[in-house]
């Protein structure tokens, strides 16, 4: 008998956020798109991109070591802010590579991020719900479906992005 296993992973780490990085994130111009404020469709800010890469690099390097990868290709990153009642519906970030959610400014009332196994909602075997915490980074396979619940405060500010390890 042949056994074929598919692996999908979610990693979490706690990072230190400096006030200068928070100021940088808050300076990024956002536009209202589908129930959230985002910089996803805006011209990219290299200072922001490079600053984000430097902050998340230690976490990414831990994953690279676990999976025997040595090459990092940082694809993109963006800022999202959620006001009260705003959310992000179920989505993935693609197929190949990794994505991250980095919680910058959150409170106890900030909405949770809910992750499900690939195949959801047609097949549901696993669920992982993240309560936001300032400095928490969640890194996950791009193919993992996830969504953000409706927000209960005015403070939920995150940085999200994608990268490839090879």
Protein backbone atom coordinates (compact mmCIF):
# COMPACT_ATOMS: atom_id res chain seq x y z
CA UNK A 1 0.00 0.00 0.00
CA UNK A 2 1.27 3.47 -0.86
CA UNK A 3 0.73 6.25 1.68
CA UNK A 4 0.67 9.79 0.34
CA UNK A 5 0.65 12.59 2.88
CA UNK A 6 -0.12 16.26 2.26
CA UNK A 7 1.33 18.70 4.78
CA UNK A 8 -0.02 22.17 5.46
CA UNK A 9 1.55 24.22 8.18
CA UNK A 10 0.84 27.18 10.43
CA UNK A 11 3.64 28.69 12.51
CA UNK A 12 3.49 31.42 15.14
CA UNK A 13 6.17 33.58 16.70
CA UNK A 14 6.29 36.64 18.93
CA UNK A 15 8.27 39.59 17.57
CA UNK A 16 9.28 42.93 19.04
CA UNK A 17 7.76 45.94 17.34
CA UNK A 18 9.50 49.30 17.61
CA UNK A 19 7.61 52.58 17.69
CA UNK A 20 9.39 53.64 14.49
CA UNK A 21 7.99 50.56 12.69
CA UNK A 22 4.49 51.27 14.03
CA UNK A 23 4.81 54.86 12.78
CA UNK A 24 5.94 53.55 9.38
CA UNK A 25 2.96 51.16 9.15
CA UNK A 26 0.55 53.91 10.20
CA UNK A 27 1.99 56.23 7.53
CA UNK A 28 1.03 53.90 4.67
CA UNK A 29 -1.89 55.24 2.62
CA UNK A 30 -4.94 52.96 2.75
CA UNK A 31 -8.12 52.73 0.69
CA UNK A 32 -11.46 51.12 1.57
CA UNK A 33 -11.83 47.88 -0.41
CA UNK A 34 -14.38 45.15 0.37
CA UNK A 35 -14.95 45.77 4.08
CA UNK A 36 -11.40 46.73 5.08
CA UNK A 37 -8.84 49.46 4.59
CA UNK A 38 -5.85 48.18 2.65
CA UNK A 39 -2.69 49.22 0.83
CA UNK A 40 -2.75 46.05 -1.29
CA UNK A 41 -3.62 47.88 -4.53
CA UNK A 42 -1.46 50.95 -3.88
CA UNK A 43 2.05 51.74 -5.10
CA UNK A 44 4.48 49.86 -2.88
CA UNK A 45 6.69 51.71 -0.37
CA UNK A 46 10.24 50.27 -0.40
CA UNK A 47 11.07 51.58 3.09
CA UNK A 48 8.01 49.77 4.44
CA UNK A 49 8.75 46.57 2.48
CA UNK A 50 12.40 46.48 3.56
CA UNK A 51 11.50 47.29 7.18
CA UNK A 52 8.93 44.49 7.24
CA UNK A 53 11.41 42.02 5.74
CA UNK A 54 13.97 42.83 8.44
CA UNK A 55 11.48 42.41 11.28
CA UNK A 56 10.02 39.09 10.11
CA UNK A 57 13.33 37.64 8.86
CA UNK A 58 14.20 35.78 12.12
CA UNK A 59 10.84 33.96 12.04
CA UNK A 60 11.17 33.12 8.35
CA UNK A 61 14.70 31.82 8.91
CA UNK A 62 13.43 29.43 11.60
CA UNK A 63 10.94 27.96 9.12
CA UNK A 64 13.58 27.78 6.38
CA UNK A 65 15.84 25.80 8.72
CA UNK A 66 13.01 23.41 9.68
CA UNK A 67 12.19 22.74 6.03
CA UNK A 68 15.81 22.73 4.74
CA UNK A 69 15.34 25.80 2.53
CA UNK A 70 18.03 28.39 1.97
CA UNK A 71 16.59 30.89 -0.51
CA UNK A 72 13.97 33.50 0.44
CA UNK A 73 12.01 35.37 -2.22
CA UNK A 74 9.91 38.08 -0.61
CA UNK A 75 6.95 38.67 -2.94
CA UNK A 76 4.94 41.47 -1.36
CA UNK A 77 3.44 42.93 1.78
CA UNK A 78 0.66 45.35 2.61
CA UNK A 79 -1.15 47.00 5.50
CA UNK A 80 -4.76 46.35 6.49
CA UNK A 81 -6.84 48.20 9.05
CA UNK A 82 -10.24 47.05 10.26
CA UNK A 83 -12.76 49.41 11.82
CA UNK A 84 -15.76 48.19 13.79
CA UNK A 85 -17.82 45.65 11.82
CA UNK A 86 -15.26 45.25 9.02
CA UNK A 87 -13.99 41.80 8.07
CA UNK A 88 -12.17 39.81 5.37
CA UNK A 89 -14.14 36.94 3.79
CA UNK A 90 -12.77 33.44 3.26
CA UNK A 91 -9.78 33.43 0.91
CA UNK A 92 -6.34 31.98 0.20
CA UNK A 93 -3.18 33.73 -0.99
CA UNK A 94 -2.46 31.30 -3.82
CA UNK A 95 -0.90 27.88 -4.02
CA UNK A 96 2.89 27.85 -3.73
CA UNK A 97 4.75 29.53 -0.90
CA UNK A 98 3.92 31.11 2.43
CA UNK A 99 1.88 34.01 3.72
CA UNK A 100 1.95 35.88 6.99
CA UNK A 101 -0.23 37.99 9.23
CA UNK A 102 1.68 40.28 11.59
CA UNK A 103 -0.46 41.93 14.29
CA UNK A 104 0.70 45.52 14.84
CA UNK A 105 -2.04 47.23 16.83
CA UNK A 106 -4.83 45.15 18.36
CA UNK A 107 -6.96 45.04 21.49
CA UNK A 108 -8.88 42.29 23.29
CA UNK A 109 -11.86 43.20 21.05
CA UNK A 110 -9.98 42.90 17.76
CA UNK A 111 -11.35 40.24 15.43
CA UNK A 112 -9.83 36.78 15.30
CA UNK A 113 -8.29 35.16 12.23
CA UNK A 114 -9.77 31.74 11.47
CA UNK A 115 -7.80 29.12 9.51
CA UNK A 116 -9.22 25.93 7.97
CA UNK A 117 -7.79 22.94 6.15
CA UNK A 118 -7.53 23.12 2.35
CA UNK A 119 -10.81 21.95 0.87
CA UNK A 120 -12.85 23.99 3.33
CA UNK A 121 -15.82 24.59 3.27
CA UNK A 122 -16.48 21.34 1.35
CA UNK A 123 -14.26 19.30 3.67
CA UNK A 124 -13.70 20.36 7.26
CA UNK A 125 -11.22 18.44 9.36
CA UNK A 126 -9.21 21.15 11.12
CA UNK A 127 -9.73 24.65 12.45
CA UNK A 128 -7.23 27.01 14.03
CA UNK A 129 -8.40 30.31 15.46
CA UNK A 130 -5.91 33.06 16.30
CA UNK A 131 -6.66 35.69 18.89
CA UNK A 132 -4.64 38.75 17.85
CA UNK A 133 -1.79 39.90 20.07
CA UNK A 134 0.55 42.79 19.38
CA UNK A 135 3.79 41.47 17.84
CA UNK A 136 2.37 38.03 17.03
CA UNK A 137 3.20 36.77 13.56
CA UNK A 138 1.38 33.86 11.97
CA UNK A 139 3.11 32.26 8.98
CA UNK A 140 1.18 29.72 6.94
CA UNK A 141 1.04 27.88 3.62
CA UNK A 142 -0.64 30.14 1.05
CA UNK A 143 -3.21 27.45 0.22
CA UNK A 144 -4.76 27.47 3.70
CA UNK A 145 -8.24 29.07 3.60
CA UNK A 146 -8.74 31.76 6.22
CA UNK A 147 -10.93 34.71 7.08
CA UNK A 148 -11.17 37.57 9.55
CA UNK A 149 -14.28 37.80 11.71
CA UNK A 150 -16.20 41.10 11.89
CA UNK A 151 -14.13 43.46 14.02
CA UNK A 152 -15.40 44.70 17.40
CA UNK A 153 -13.12 47.73 17.80
CA UNK A 154 -11.44 50.48 15.77
CA UNK A 155 -7.88 49.31 16.37
CA UNK A 156 -7.12 46.18 14.33
CA UNK A 157 -4.00 47.01 12.29
CA UNK A 158 -2.00 44.25 10.60
CA UNK A 159 0.70 43.73 8.02
CA UNK A 160 0.25 40.80 5.68
CA UNK A 161 2.34 39.42 2.85
CA UNK A 162 3.71 36.54 0.84
CA UNK A 163 7.08 34.89 0.29
CA UNK A 164 8.59 31.78 -1.22
CA UNK A 165 11.29 29.53 0.29
CA UNK A 166 13.31 27.24 -1.96
